[in-house]
Protein backbone atom coordinates (compact mmCIF):
# COMPACT_ATOMS: atom_id res chain seq x y z
CA MET A 1 -4.02 12.91 -4.54
CA ILE A 2 -4.00 10.97 -8.40
CA THR A 3 -7.38 12.07 -8.88
CA LYS A 4 -10.61 14.16 -7.43
CA ASP A 5 -13.28 11.87 -9.65
CA LEU A 6 -15.00 9.55 -7.40
CA ASN A 7 -15.77 7.49 -10.37
CA THR A 8 -12.58 6.47 -11.43
CA GLU A 9 -10.84 3.30 -13.23
CA PHE A 10 -7.43 1.75 -12.91
CA TRP A 11 -5.69 -1.45 -14.16
CA VAL A 12 -3.57 -3.75 -12.61
CA ILE A 13 -1.13 -5.87 -14.37
CA SER A 14 1.69 -8.94 -12.69
CA ASP A 15 4.69 -10.64 -13.60
CA THR A 16 5.55 -8.94 -16.82
CA HIS A 17 8.82 -10.52 -16.49
CA LEU A 18 10.86 -8.30 -18.88
CA ILE A 19 14.52 -8.73 -20.20
CA ALA A 20 15.63 -5.39 -22.26
CA ASN A 21 16.31 -6.85 -25.92
CA SER A 22 19.95 -5.07 -25.40
CA LEU A 23 20.55 -7.89 -23.08
CA HIS A 24 20.52 -10.47 -25.83
CA ASP A 25 21.34 -11.06 -29.36
CA GLU A 26 18.44 -14.21 -29.72
CA GLY A 27 21.66 -16.20 -29.96
CA GLN A 28 21.98 -19.76 -28.48
CA ALA A 29 22.23 -19.14 -24.96
CA PHE A 30 19.08 -16.82 -24.95
CA SER A 31 17.05 -19.34 -27.13
CA GLN A 32 17.78 -21.87 -24.23
CA MET A 33 16.70 -19.97 -21.60
CA GLN A 34 13.57 -19.24 -23.57
CA LYS A 35 12.74 -23.01 -24.15
CA THR A 36 13.23 -23.19 -20.16
CA SER A 37 11.31 -20.32 -19.01
CA GLN A 38 8.02 -21.97 -18.15
CA GLY A 39 5.84 -20.54 -20.64
CA LYS A 40 7.15 -17.34 -20.22
CA ASP A 41 7.35 -15.30 -23.50
CA LEU A 42 11.29 -13.06 -23.30
CA TYR A 43 11.35 -11.78 -26.86
CA TYR A 44 8.69 -9.58 -27.17
CA GLN A 45 7.61 -8.26 -23.98
CA GLU A 46 9.52 -4.66 -25.21
CA THR A 47 6.69 -4.42 -27.60
CA ALA A 48 3.74 -6.12 -26.03
CA LEU A 49 4.09 -3.34 -22.93
CA THR A 50 4.70 -0.66 -25.09
CA ALA A 51 1.73 -1.66 -26.89
CA PHE A 52 0.20 -1.66 -23.54
CA MET A 53 0.94 1.84 -23.21
CA ARG A 54 -0.38 2.95 -26.22
CA MET A 55 -3.89 1.72 -25.08
CA ALA A 56 -3.57 3.49 -21.91
CA GLN A 57 -2.62 6.70 -24.00
CA ARG A 58 -5.73 6.25 -25.62
CA LYS A 59 -7.94 4.90 -22.69
CA LYS A 60 -6.76 6.98 -20.32
CA PRO A 61 -7.11 5.17 -16.95
CA ALA A 62 -6.21 6.83 -13.61
CA ALA A 63 -3.22 4.34 -13.00
CA ILE A 64 -1.25 1.46 -13.89
CA ILE A 65 -0.54 -0.80 -10.71
CA VAL A 66 1.83 -3.43 -11.92
CA THR A 67 2.47 -6.20 -8.68
CA GLY A 68 5.84 -7.36 -8.50
CA ASP A 69 8.19 -9.43 -10.98
CA ILE A 70 8.57 -6.36 -13.23
CA THR A 71 11.97 -7.80 -14.66
CA PHE A 72 13.05 -11.05 -15.75
CA ASN A 73 15.64 -12.05 -13.53
CA GLY A 74 16.08 -8.51 -11.43
CA GLU A 75 18.04 -7.01 -14.54
CA ARG A 76 18.64 -3.40 -13.69
CA VAL A 77 18.98 -2.86 -17.68
CA SER A 78 15.27 -4.30 -17.45
CA ALA A 79 14.36 -2.39 -14.96
CA GLU A 80 15.07 0.86 -16.79
CA LYS A 81 13.28 -0.56 -20.27
CA PHE A 82 10.29 -0.65 -18.16
CA ALA A 83 10.43 2.82 -16.95
CA GLU A 84 11.23 4.00 -20.19
CA ILE A 85 8.48 2.49 -22.04
CA PHE A 86 5.38 3.44 -19.49
CA ARG A 87 7.26 7.50 -19.62
CA PRO A 88 4.67 8.96 -22.51
CA LEU A 89 2.23 8.76 -20.12
CA LYS A 90 0.50 11.95 -19.56
CA HIS A 91 -2.51 10.96 -17.75
CA THR A 92 -1.87 8.18 -16.08
CA LYS A 93 0.19 7.15 -12.98
CA VAL A 94 2.46 4.05 -13.03
CA LEU A 95 2.98 2.35 -9.70
CA VAL A 96 5.06 -0.38 -9.35
CA ILE A 97 6.28 -2.95 -6.52
CA PRO A 98 8.72 -5.39 -6.82
CA GLY A 99 8.44 -8.97 -6.82
CA ASN A 100 10.76 -12.03 -5.59
CA HIS A 101 13.18 -11.58 -8.85
CA ASP A 102 13.53 -7.92 -8.91
CA ILE A 103 15.86 -6.86 -6.11
CA PHE A 104 19.33 -8.34 -5.69
CA ASP A 105 18.61 -11.28 -7.91
CA GLY A 106 21.61 -13.41 -8.31
CA TRP A 107 19.92 -14.71 -11.75
CA ALA A 108 20.86 -11.62 -13.55
CA ARG A 109 22.14 -12.31 -16.65
CA GLU A 110 22.73 -11.52 -20.52
CA PHE A 111 23.02 -13.01 -23.62
CA ARG A 112 25.37 -13.25 -26.10
CA GLY A 113 25.98 -16.12 -28.52
CA LYS A 114 26.46 -19.16 -26.47
CA LYS A 115 27.66 -17.78 -23.31
CA GLN A 116 25.84 -16.03 -20.65
CA PHE A 117 27.27 -13.22 -18.17
CA TYR A 118 25.99 -11.32 -15.29
CA ALA A 119 24.38 -8.38 -15.34
CA GLY A 120 23.66 -5.08 -12.92
CA GLU A 121 21.37 -6.09 -10.61
CA ILE A 122 18.67 -3.78 -8.86
CA SER A 123 19.43 -2.46 -5.41
CA PRO A 124 16.50 -0.50 -2.96
CA ILE A 125 18.18 2.46 -3.85
CA PHE A 126 18.58 1.93 -7.14
CA TRP A 127 14.50 0.84 -7.73
CA ARG A 128 13.77 3.79 -6.01
CA SER A 129 15.53 5.79 -8.50
CA ILE A 130 14.51 4.08 -11.53
CA PHE A 131 10.75 4.02 -10.33
CA ALA A 132 10.93 7.99 -8.84
CA LYS A 133 7.69 8.84 -10.42
CA SER A 134 6.10 6.21 -9.02
CA TYR A 135 7.40 7.30 -5.01
CA ARG A 136 6.73 10.81 -6.12
CA GLN A 137 2.80 10.29 -5.44
CA ALA A 138 3.38 8.43 -2.23
CA VAL A 139 1.72 10.02 0.97
CA ASP A 140 4.07 7.74 3.07
CA THR A 141 6.97 5.49 2.35
CA ASP A 142 8.54 3.05 4.94
CA ASP A 143 11.93 3.47 5.32
CA SER A 144 12.22 -0.49 5.92
CA SER A 145 11.21 -1.77 2.73
CA LEU A 146 10.39 -0.70 -0.71
CA ALA A 147 6.44 0.06 0.17
CA TYR A 148 4.71 2.84 -0.08
CA SER A 149 1.04 4.48 0.17
CA VAL A 150 -0.77 6.84 -2.39
CA GLN A 151 -4.20 8.17 -2.11
CA LEU A 152 -6.17 7.31 -5.28
CA ASN A 153 -9.45 9.60 -4.81
CA PRO A 154 -11.19 11.63 -2.30
CA GLN A 155 -12.46 7.72 -1.04
CA TYR A 156 -9.52 5.15 -1.58
CA PHE A 157 -6.16 4.55 -0.38
CA LEU A 158 -3.77 2.44 -1.71
CA ILE A 159 -1.17 0.44 0.36
CA LEU A 160 1.50 -0.68 -1.94
CA ALA A 161 3.44 -3.68 0.37
CA ASP A 162 7.09 -5.06 -0.35
CA SER A 163 6.42 -8.51 0.49
CA ASN A 164 9.94 -9.93 -0.76
CA LEU A 165 13.42 -11.30 0.61
CA TYR A 166 16.58 -9.69 -0.27
CA GLY A 167 20.09 -9.35 1.40
CA LYS A 168 21.46 -5.63 1.13
CA GLU A 169 23.53 -6.37 -1.79
CA GLU A 170 24.40 -8.03 -5.15
CA THR A 171 24.56 -12.06 -4.80
CA THR A 172 24.99 -14.58 -6.84
CA ALA A 173 22.56 -16.60 -5.10
CA ALA A 174 19.02 -17.87 -6.52
CA PRO A 175 16.14 -15.49 -5.66
CA HIS A 176 13.96 -16.44 -2.25
CA THR A 177 10.11 -17.68 -3.65
CA ARG A 178 8.59 -17.04 -0.28
CA GLY A 179 8.21 -13.94 1.31
CA MET A 180 7.12 -11.96 4.47
CA ILE A 181 5.81 -8.68 5.27
CA GLY A 182 8.37 -8.32 8.59
CA LYS A 183 7.20 -6.61 12.04
CA SER A 184 8.63 -3.49 10.87
CA GLN A 185 7.16 -3.38 7.79
CA LEU A 186 3.75 -4.43 9.25
CA LYS A 187 3.81 -1.71 12.00
CA TRP A 188 4.07 0.66 9.28
CA ILE A 189 1.13 -1.05 7.24
CA LYS A 190 -1.18 -0.03 10.75
CA LYS A 191 0.25 3.40 10.89
CA GLN A 192 -1.24 3.73 6.86
CA LEU A 193 -4.19 2.04 8.01
CA GLN A 194 -4.67 4.08 10.97
CA TYR A 195 -4.58 7.10 9.07
CA ALA A 196 -6.96 5.73 6.51
CA GLU A 197 -9.49 4.86 8.91
CA LYS A 198 -8.85 8.72 10.45
CA ASN A 199 -9.68 10.41 6.84
CA GLN A 200 -12.15 8.24 6.24
CA LEU A 201 -10.82 6.42 3.25
CA ARG A 202 -10.93 2.95 2.35
CA PRO A 203 -7.97 0.80 2.13
CA ILE A 204 -6.85 -1.41 -0.73
CA LEU A 205 -4.03 -3.51 -0.35
CA PHE A 206 -1.28 -4.51 -3.06
CA MET A 207 1.39 -7.09 -3.03
CA HIS A 208 3.57 -9.48 -4.84
CA HIS A 209 2.79 -12.69 -2.24
CA ASN A 210 -0.55 -13.63 -1.59
CA LEU A 211 -2.55 -13.23 0.81
CA TYR A 212 -4.24 -16.58 0.87
CA ALA A 213 -3.30 -19.97 -0.28
CA HIS A 214 -5.25 -19.97 -3.65
CA ASN A 215 -4.58 -23.26 -4.69
CA PRO A 216 -4.67 -26.17 -1.40
CA ALA A 217 -2.11 -28.17 -3.14
CA VAL A 218 0.73 -25.97 -4.14
CA ASN A 219 0.93 -22.77 -2.15
CA LYS A 220 4.33 -23.12 -0.05
CA GLY A 221 6.60 -19.74 -1.08
CA TYR A 222 3.60 -17.96 -2.43
CA VAL A 223 1.55 -17.00 0.69
CA VAL A 224 3.31 -14.72 2.93
CA ASP A 225 4.85 -16.45 5.91
CA ASP A 226 3.56 -13.77 8.08
CA ALA A 227 -0.13 -13.77 6.49
CA VAL A 228 -1.94 -14.44 10.00
CA GLU A 229 -0.22 -11.14 11.26
CA LEU A 230 -1.32 -8.76 7.99
CA ARG A 231 -5.11 -11.22 7.88
CA ARG A 232 -5.37 -9.56 11.52
CA LEU A 233 -4.64 -6.02 10.55
CA CYS A 234 -7.25 -6.50 7.56
CA SER A 235 -9.84 -7.58 9.89
CA GLN A 236 -8.69 -5.19 12.52
CA TYR A 237 -8.96 -1.87 9.50
CA ASN A 238 -11.88 -3.75 7.48
CA VAL A 239 -9.56 -3.91 4.44
CA LYS A 240 -12.05 -5.17 1.95
CA LEU A 241 -10.14 -5.73 -1.25
CA ALA A 242 -6.35 -6.79 -1.93
CA PHE A 243 -4.46 -7.84 -5.13
CA SER A 244 -1.74 -10.00 -5.88
CA GLY A 245 0.56 -12.11 -8.44
CA HIS A 246 3.30 -14.51 -7.92
CA ILE A 247 1.27 -17.39 -9.07
CA HIS A 248 0.96 -16.23 -12.33
CA ALA A 249 -2.40 -17.44 -12.43
CA GLN A 250 -5.74 -15.48 -12.07
CA ASN A 251 -7.65 -16.19 -9.28
CA ILE A 252 -10.04 -14.61 -6.93
CA MET A 253 -10.92 -15.59 -3.61
CA GLY A 254 -13.53 -13.91 -0.89
CA PRO A 255 -12.97 -13.18 2.19
CA GLN A 256 -12.17 -16.47 4.58
CA GLU A 257 -12.84 -16.51 8.66
CA THR A 258 -13.05 -13.34 10.31
CA THR A 259 -10.83 -11.36 7.31
CA PRO A 260 -13.06 -9.18 5.31
CA THR A 261 -10.89 -8.88 2.16
CA THR A 262 -11.25 -10.00 -1.17
CA GLU A 263 -7.95 -11.12 -3.20
CA VAL A 264 -7.94 -10.81 -6.40
CA VAL A 265 -4.38 -12.42 -7.91
CA THR A 266 -3.43 -11.66 -11.21
CA SER A 267 -1.97 -13.78 -14.10
CA SER A 268 1.33 -12.91 -15.40
CA PHE A 269 1.25 -10.97 -18.39
CA CYS A 270 4.29 -12.05 -20.59
CA SER A 271 2.09 -15.58 -21.07
CA ASN A 272 -1.23 -17.20 -21.06
CA ASP A 273 -3.42 -14.96 -22.52
CA GLN A 274 -2.00 -11.28 -21.11
CA GLY A 275 -4.43 -10.86 -18.40
CA TYR A 276 -5.00 -7.72 -16.97
CA GLY A 277 -7.59 -5.99 -14.08
CA VAL A 278 -9.88 -3.04 -14.76
CA VAL A 279 -10.93 -2.17 -11.43
CA ARG A 280 -13.39 0.72 -11.43
CA VAL A 281 -14.37 2.35 -8.15
CA HIS A 282 -17.29 4.46 -7.22
CA SER A 283 -18.53 5.88 -3.99
CA ARG A 284 -20.56 2.62 -2.92
CA HIS A 285 -18.80 -0.16 -4.76
CA ILE A 286 -15.67 -1.54 -6.65
CA THR A 287 -16.07 -3.36 -9.79
CA TYR A 288 -13.32 -5.68 -11.21
CA VAL A 289 -12.98 -7.53 -14.19
CA ARG A 290 -10.33 -9.50 -16.02
CA ARG A 291 -9.64 -8.84 -19.57
CA ASN A 292 -7.52 -9.88 -22.53
CA PHE A 293 -4.77 -7.33 -23.97
CA ASP A 294 -5.82 -7.06 -27.67
CA ILE A 295 -2.08 -6.23 -28.91
CA THR A 296 -3.28 -6.44 -32.46
CA ARG A 297 -5.33 -3.27 -32.21
CA TYR A 298 -2.03 -1.49 -30.84
CA LEU A 299 0.66 -2.47 -33.13
CA THR A 300 2.15 -0.79 -35.46
CA ASP A 301 2.34 -1.11 -39.17
CA GLN A 302 5.37 -2.39 -39.11
CA GLU A 303 5.23 -4.87 -36.04
CA LYS A 304 1.93 -5.92 -37.76
CA GLU A 305 4.40 -7.49 -40.37
CA ASN A 306 5.30 -9.98 -37.87
CA TYR A 307 3.71 -13.17 -38.09
CA THR A 308 4.35 -13.69 -34.34
CA LEU A 309 3.02 -10.38 -33.20
CA GLU A 310 -0.04 -10.64 -35.40
CA HIS A 311 -1.16 -14.12 -34.12
CA PHE A 312 0.53 -13.30 -30.48
CA HIS A 313 -2.12 -14.86 -28.37
CA LYS A 314 -1.97 -18.02 -30.37
CA TYR A 315 1.77 -17.82 -29.74
CA LEU A 316 1.86 -17.37 -26.02
CA LYS A 317 -0.83 -20.17 -25.68
CA ASP A 318 1.16 -22.50 -27.81
CA LEU A 319 4.11 -21.34 -25.29
CA GLN A 320 2.26 -21.95 -22.45
CA LEU A 321 0.72 -25.82 -23.79
CA GLY A 322 3.85 -26.72 -25.31
CA SER A 323 5.67 -25.84 -22.07
CA ILE A 324 3.74 -27.99 -19.63
CA SER A 325 2.93 -30.32 -22.19
CA ALA A 326 6.59 -31.28 -23.15
CA ASP A 327 7.44 -31.71 -19.45
CA MET A 328 5.06 -34.11 -19.08
CA MET A 329 5.39 -35.70 -21.93
CA GLN A 330 9.31 -36.36 -21.68
CA SER A 331 8.73 -38.05 -18.25
CA GLU A 332 6.40 -40.41 -19.18
CA LEU A 333 8.06 -41.66 -22.72
CA ASN A 334 10.67 -44.42 -20.64
CA LYS A 335 7.13 -46.06 -19.36
CA TYR A 336 4.86 -45.74 -22.23
CA HIS A 337 7.23 -45.85 -25.22
CA ASP A 338 5.15 -48.29 -27.24
CA ASP A 339 2.02 -46.10 -26.59
CA ILE A 340 2.99 -42.72 -28.12
CA ASP A 341 -0.79 -41.45 -28.74
CA LEU A 342 -1.34 -42.02 -24.81
CA VAL A 343 1.66 -39.96 -24.03
CA ARG A 344 0.63 -37.26 -26.09
CA ALA A 345 -3.50 -37.63 -24.60
CA MET A 346 -1.74 -37.15 -21.34
CA GLY A 347 0.27 -34.22 -22.03
CA LYS A 348 -2.35 -32.36 -23.56
CA LEU A 349 -4.62 -33.21 -20.88
CA PHE A 350 -2.19 -31.85 -18.33
CA GLY A 351 -1.21 -28.44 -20.35
CA TRP A 352 -5.40 -27.90 -20.72
CA MET A 353 -5.93 -28.15 -17.10
CA ASN A 354 -3.10 -25.87 -16.41
CA TYR A 355 -3.76 -23.87 -18.93
CA HIS A 356 -7.73 -22.99 -17.96
CA PHE A 357 -6.37 -22.27 -14.03
CA PHE A 358 -4.00 -19.73 -14.99
CA THR A 359 -6.29 -17.99 -17.08
CA GLY A 360 -9.32 -18.08 -14.86
CA HIS A 361 -11.20 -19.95 -16.89
CA ASN A 362 -11.64 -23.14 -14.91
CA HIS A 363 -15.35 -23.28 -13.98
CA ILE A 364 -17.06 -26.01 -15.89
CA LYS A 365 -19.93 -28.48 -15.61
CA ALA A 366 -19.75 -31.38 -13.03
CA SER A 367 -20.44 -33.91 -16.00
CA GLU A 368 -17.61 -32.13 -18.07
CA LEU A 369 -15.45 -32.67 -14.95
CA ASN A 370 -16.37 -36.25 -14.51
CA LYS A 371 -15.34 -37.17 -18.59
CA ILE A 372 -12.11 -35.67 -17.38
CA HIS A 373 -11.57 -37.54 -14.23
CA SER A 374 -12.86 -40.95 -16.26
CA SER A 375 -10.61 -40.77 -19.27
CA LYS A 376 -7.68 -42.73 -19.93
CA ALA A 377 -5.34 -40.73 -19.80
CA TYR A 378 -6.41 -38.86 -16.87
CA GLN A 379 -6.37 -42.44 -14.91
CA VAL A 380 -3.04 -43.17 -15.97
CA LEU A 381 -1.78 -39.91 -15.08
CA ILE A 382 -2.93 -40.19 -11.16
CA LYS A 383 -1.93 -43.80 -11.10
CA HIS A 384 1.52 -43.32 -11.82
CA HIS A 385 1.95 -40.26 -10.24
CA PRO A 386 -0.15 -40.01 -7.25
CA GLU A 387 1.50 -36.93 -6.27
CA TYR A 388 -0.10 -34.79 -8.96
CA ARG A 389 -3.59 -36.38 -8.00
CA LEU A 390 -4.53 -33.24 -5.05
CA TYR A 391 -3.22 -30.85 -7.39
CA LEU A 392 -5.31 -31.73 -10.84
CA GLU A 393 -8.28 -31.84 -8.49
CA THR A 394 -7.95 -28.35 -7.04
CA LEU A 395 -7.65 -27.18 -11.11
CA TYR A 396 -11.47 -26.97 -11.85
CA ASP A 397 -14.46 -25.27 -10.28
CA THR A 398 -18.05 -26.19 -10.66
CA SER A 399 -19.54 -23.76 -8.35
CA ASP A 400 -21.08 -20.69 -9.90
CA HIS A 401 -17.69 -18.82 -7.88
CA SER A 402 -15.96 -16.31 -10.59
CA ASN A 403 -12.16 -15.51 -11.26
CA LEU A 404 -12.74 -13.29 -13.85
CA GLN A 405 -15.13 -10.49 -11.80
CA VAL A 406 -15.89 -9.49 -8.77
CA LYS A 407 -17.92 -6.41 -6.60
CA ILE A 408 -17.31 -5.12 -3.80
CA LYS A 409 -19.80 -3.65 -1.45
CA TYR A 410 -19.47 -0.25 0.38
């Protein structure tokens, strides 16, 4: 048991995609990788995570739970660096689960000058060894995967599932995007739920892939393949809360049909606005609130001399908006080379719509949404890219639903 306190707090982060500084020299090859990283920051994650650890030292949550993609592309050295960063924590347990980029990822690389070289990958055995402090908290572990269960306090029980597909040896192949729990692990999860029921514990589920489709237009490869079977277990044992990552977007979905589970997807810590979740558990309810990590409060005096770190959220926003807008503008320049202002407007609109969705700040008034839909930039976008229409229509929400906070009652 992590704590005996009935009222306690834990934090959730996801998709940190850390690449250890020792794996690159900030040369041409690495610079090119940063440019093609779809808005992820690769340069400063060691510093950002160390600052986050300092905040945890001060605020002392009972646990920090990381829902996968800890490493950029499964570099063993990056996983070891992550464990090293959080090692100083004395009052907070760090509980990790792998993501689709962590175990036997054939894209694991280090970067020197203009060249890339294969980097050592992470096997399941290495994972358990690197994060031995996480597994030492386990009530039980699954022999067929990297899943394990942990008792948080006298009332709450954490099931940390492994939803990833990976082989049995190092590879040069790309990592799988899709995931599944599998029959053997489903049996193990059922056993954990039975244990929780027998001991009057309330289960909370964690995994990298999603239980629900959080975007009706883009969900292939994000929802676990055997979600139907997993939802059935959630219904049978009244699992009211689940956490996941993978889509890099902040999103909350309430109970669906006969499944009583509310699922919170946490956005990527290495992009957007450094979102993380603060979860407070009580005897009769749980509250979840998304917060933005204010890195500047936890930088050393020397780190504050770095302009980018002092203005880190602006840097992350520019990375994200620049990546999305640039891709859109490049595809449109050939068609509208004589109307660069329209191309810029399309790129800016597409970038901001995505940014609002990724950060969970996508609730606007119907009048504001109508204004977007009637703009020339939007009309040209959906006219020449009908494949974007459904996706763009899903990015904003005019209801009272919030993606930033939720309360679960027991």
